Amino acid sequence: MTNPEPMTPKRFSKIIEDIVLDKAITHMDAILLYCENHELEPEDVKKFVSKTLKDKVTVNAQDLHYLPKTTAELPV
């Protein structure tokens, strides 16, 4: 029996993106769902969160007004 492929930030990001598309949820919710399904604490996957994935979580949080927007937007 061979060991499963080791987790890397690139692989983790792909898994999270697949969950986001499949479930139509935010990136943060996808990370939490992944943790729940694999009986992990969010701190356990912190080392696999790439800068790109972190930026997507931040944008999701800003869109939901959980975080203030860091760039000015013109009202449309």
N, C-alpha and C. Protein backbone atom coordinates (compact mmCIF):
# COMPACT_ATOMS: atom_id res chain seq x y z
N MET A 1 0.84 -1.19 0.00
CA MET A 1 0.00 0.00 0.00
C MET A 1 0.88 1.25 0.00
N THR A 2 0.62 2.17 -0.91
CA THR A 2 1.43 3.38 -1.00
C THR A 2 0.81 4.49 -0.18
N ASN A 3 1.66 5.40 0.23
CA ASN A 3 1.19 6.56 0.99
C ASN A 3 0.47 7.52 0.06
N PRO A 4 -0.56 8.21 0.59
CA PRO A 4 -1.22 9.21 -0.26
C PRO A 4 -0.26 10.35 -0.58
N GLU A 5 -0.58 11.07 -1.62
CA GLU A 5 0.24 12.20 -2.04
C GLU A 5 0.37 13.20 -0.88
N PRO A 6 1.59 13.68 -0.59
CA PRO A 6 1.75 14.63 0.52
C PRO A 6 1.05 15.95 0.22
N MET A 7 0.55 16.56 1.27
CA MET A 7 -0.15 17.84 1.12
C MET A 7 0.88 18.95 0.90
N THR A 8 0.59 19.79 -0.06
CA THR A 8 1.41 20.97 -0.35
C THR A 8 0.45 22.15 -0.46
N PRO A 9 0.97 23.39 -0.38
CA PRO A 9 0.08 24.54 -0.56
C PRO A 9 -0.63 24.52 -1.92
N LYS A 10 0.05 24.09 -2.96
CA LYS A 10 -0.57 24.03 -4.29
C LYS A 10 -1.70 23.01 -4.31
N ARG A 11 -1.47 21.86 -3.78
CA ARG A 11 -2.50 20.80 -3.74
C ARG A 11 -3.68 21.23 -2.86
N PHE A 12 -3.38 21.83 -1.71
CA PHE A 12 -4.43 22.29 -0.81
C PHE A 12 -5.30 23.35 -1.49
N SER A 13 -4.67 24.29 -2.18
CA SER A 13 -5.42 25.33 -2.89
C SER A 13 -6.34 24.73 -3.94
N LYS A 14 -5.86 23.72 -4.66
CA LYS A 14 -6.68 23.05 -5.67
C LYS A 14 -7.88 22.37 -5.03
N ILE A 15 -7.67 21.70 -3.92
CA ILE A 15 -8.76 21.03 -3.21
C ILE A 15 -9.80 22.06 -2.77
N ILE A 16 -9.35 23.18 -2.20
CA ILE A 16 -10.25 24.22 -1.73
C ILE A 16 -11.01 24.84 -2.90
N GLU A 17 -10.33 25.13 -3.99
CA GLU A 17 -11.00 25.68 -5.18
C GLU A 17 -12.08 24.73 -5.69
N ASP A 18 -11.79 23.44 -5.69
CA ASP A 18 -12.78 22.45 -6.12
C ASP A 18 -14.01 22.46 -5.21
N ILE A 19 -13.79 22.58 -3.91
CA ILE A 19 -14.91 22.64 -2.96
C ILE A 19 -15.72 23.91 -3.19
N VAL A 20 -15.05 25.04 -3.40
CA VAL A 20 -15.74 26.31 -3.65
C VAL A 20 -16.65 26.19 -4.87
N LEU A 21 -16.14 25.62 -5.94
CA LEU A 21 -16.92 25.48 -7.17
C LEU A 21 -18.06 24.47 -7.01
N ASP A 22 -17.77 23.36 -6.35
CA ASP A 22 -18.75 22.29 -6.20
C ASP A 22 -19.90 22.69 -5.27
N LYS A 23 -19.57 23.36 -4.16
CA LYS A 23 -20.57 23.69 -3.15
C LYS A 23 -21.10 25.12 -3.24
N ALA A 24 -20.48 25.94 -4.09
CA ALA A 24 -20.85 27.36 -4.22
C ALA A 24 -20.80 28.06 -2.86
N ILE A 25 -19.65 27.91 -2.19
CA ILE A 25 -19.43 28.55 -0.89
C ILE A 25 -18.16 29.39 -0.95
N THR A 26 -17.93 30.17 0.10
CA THR A 26 -16.73 31.01 0.13
C THR A 26 -15.50 30.14 0.39
N HIS A 27 -14.34 30.73 0.14
CA HIS A 27 -13.09 30.02 0.37
C HIS A 27 -12.90 29.67 1.85
N MET A 28 -13.28 30.60 2.73
CA MET A 28 -13.16 30.33 4.17
C MET A 28 -14.06 29.17 4.57
N ASP A 29 -15.30 29.18 4.07
CA ASP A 29 -16.21 28.07 4.38
C ASP A 29 -15.67 26.75 3.82
N ALA A 30 -15.05 26.80 2.65
CA ALA A 30 -14.47 25.60 2.07
C ALA A 30 -13.32 25.05 2.93
N ILE A 31 -12.50 25.95 3.43
CA ILE A 31 -11.40 25.52 4.31
C ILE A 31 -11.97 24.89 5.58
N LEU A 32 -12.97 25.53 6.16
CA LEU A 32 -13.58 24.98 7.38
C LEU A 32 -14.26 23.65 7.12
N LEU A 33 -14.92 23.51 5.97
CA LEU A 33 -15.55 22.25 5.61
C LEU A 33 -14.50 21.16 5.43
N TYR A 34 -13.40 21.50 4.77
CA TYR A 34 -12.31 20.54 4.61
C TYR A 34 -11.79 20.08 5.97
N CYS A 35 -11.60 21.03 6.87
CA CYS A 35 -11.11 20.69 8.21
C CYS A 35 -12.10 19.78 8.94
N GLU A 36 -13.37 20.12 8.84
CA GLU A 36 -14.40 19.32 9.50
C GLU A 36 -14.42 17.89 8.94
N ASN A 37 -14.37 17.77 7.62
CA ASN A 37 -14.43 16.45 6.97
C ASN A 37 -13.19 15.60 7.26
N HIS A 38 -12.07 16.26 7.54
CA HIS A 38 -10.82 15.52 7.81
C HIS A 38 -10.43 15.56 9.28
N GLU A 39 -11.37 16.01 10.12
CA GLU A 39 -11.15 16.06 11.58
C GLU A 39 -9.85 16.79 11.92
N LEU A 40 -9.71 17.98 11.34
CA LEU A 40 -8.54 18.82 11.58
C LEU A 40 -8.99 20.14 12.18
N GLU A 41 -8.10 20.76 12.90
CA GLU A 41 -8.32 22.12 13.38
C GLU A 41 -7.82 23.07 12.29
N PRO A 42 -8.46 24.23 12.14
CA PRO A 42 -7.99 25.18 11.13
C PRO A 42 -6.50 25.52 11.27
N GLU A 43 -6.00 25.53 12.48
CA GLU A 43 -4.57 25.81 12.70
C GLU A 43 -3.69 24.76 12.04
N ASP A 44 -4.23 23.53 11.90
CA ASP A 44 -3.45 22.44 11.31
C ASP A 44 -3.19 22.64 9.81
N VAL A 45 -4.05 23.40 9.14
CA VAL A 45 -3.88 23.60 7.70
C VAL A 45 -3.29 24.96 7.36
N LYS A 46 -3.04 25.76 8.38
CA LYS A 46 -2.52 27.11 8.17
C LYS A 46 -1.26 27.11 7.30
N LYS A 47 -0.41 26.14 7.47
CA LYS A 47 0.84 26.09 6.72
C LYS A 47 0.63 25.79 5.23
N PHE A 48 -0.57 25.35 4.86
CA PHE A 48 -0.87 25.04 3.46
C PHE A 48 -1.62 26.16 2.74
N VAL A 49 -1.97 27.22 3.46
CA VAL A 49 -2.72 28.32 2.86
C VAL A 49 -1.73 29.24 2.14
N SER A 50 -1.80 29.22 0.83
CA SER A 50 -0.90 30.04 0.00
C SER A 50 -1.33 31.50 0.06
N LYS A 51 -0.46 32.37 -0.41
CA LYS A 51 -0.80 33.80 -0.44
C LYS A 51 -2.03 34.04 -1.31
N THR A 52 -2.11 33.36 -2.43
CA THR A 52 -3.27 33.51 -3.33
C THR A 52 -4.56 33.10 -2.62
N LEU A 53 -4.53 31.98 -1.94
CA LEU A 53 -5.72 31.52 -1.22
C LEU A 53 -6.07 32.48 -0.08
N LYS A 54 -5.05 32.96 0.61
CA LYS A 54 -5.27 33.93 1.69
C LYS A 54 -5.92 35.20 1.14
N ASP A 55 -5.46 35.65 -0.03
CA ASP A 55 -6.05 36.84 -0.66
C ASP A 55 -7.51 36.60 -1.02
N LYS A 56 -7.84 35.41 -1.49
CA LYS A 56 -9.23 35.09 -1.83
C LYS A 56 -10.12 35.07 -0.59
N VAL A 57 -9.60 34.54 0.51
CA VAL A 57 -10.35 34.54 1.77
C VAL A 57 -10.59 35.98 2.21
N THR A 58 -9.58 36.82 2.08
CA THR A 58 -9.70 38.23 2.46
C THR A 58 -10.77 38.94 1.62
N VAL A 59 -10.75 38.70 0.32
CA VAL A 59 -11.75 39.33 -0.57
C VAL A 59 -13.15 38.85 -0.21
N ASN A 60 -13.30 37.55 0.05
CA ASN A 60 -14.61 37.02 0.46
C ASN A 60 -15.08 37.71 1.73
N ALA A 61 -14.18 37.87 2.70
CA ALA A 61 -14.54 38.50 3.97
C ALA A 61 -14.92 39.97 3.76
N GLN A 62 -14.21 40.65 2.87
CA GLN A 62 -14.54 42.05 2.59
C GLN A 62 -15.90 42.15 1.90
N ASP A 63 -16.17 41.25 0.97
CA ASP A 63 -17.46 41.25 0.27
C ASP A 63 -18.62 41.01 1.23
N LEU A 64 -18.36 40.23 2.28
CA LEU A 64 -19.39 39.95 3.27
C LEU A 64 -19.39 40.98 4.40
N HIS A 65 -18.55 42.00 4.28
CA HIS A 65 -18.42 43.08 5.27
C HIS A 65 -17.91 42.58 6.63
N TYR A 66 -17.15 41.48 6.61
CA TYR A 66 -16.49 41.00 7.83
C TYR A 66 -15.20 41.78 8.07
N LEU A 67 -14.61 42.28 6.98
CA LEU A 67 -13.39 43.08 7.05
C LEU A 67 -13.61 44.36 6.24
N PRO A 68 -12.98 45.44 6.66
CA PRO A 68 -13.10 46.67 5.85
C PRO A 68 -12.36 46.48 4.52
N LYS A 69 -12.87 47.08 3.49
CA LYS A 69 -12.21 47.03 2.18
C LYS A 69 -10.93 47.84 2.23
N THR A 70 -9.91 47.33 1.58
CA THR A 70 -8.61 48.02 1.62
C THR A 70 -8.41 48.92 0.42
N THR A 71 -9.31 48.81 -0.57
CA THR A 71 -9.21 49.70 -1.74
C THR A 71 -10.51 50.47 -1.88
N ALA A 72 -10.38 51.68 -2.36
CA ALA A 72 -11.57 52.50 -2.55
C ALA A 72 -12.33 52.05 -3.79
N GLU A 73 -13.65 52.05 -3.69
CA GLU A 73 -14.49 51.69 -4.82
C GLU A 73 -15.41 52.84 -5.12
N LEU A 74 -15.61 53.10 -6.40
CA LEU A 74 -16.55 54.14 -6.78
C LEU A 74 -17.97 53.58 -6.67
N PRO A 75 -18.88 54.36 -6.13
CA PRO A 75 -20.26 53.86 -6.07
C PRO A 75 -20.85 53.76 -7.47
N VAL A 76 -21.49 52.67 -7.73
CA VAL A 76 -22.05 52.43 -9.06
C VAL A 76 -23.56 52.33 -8.97
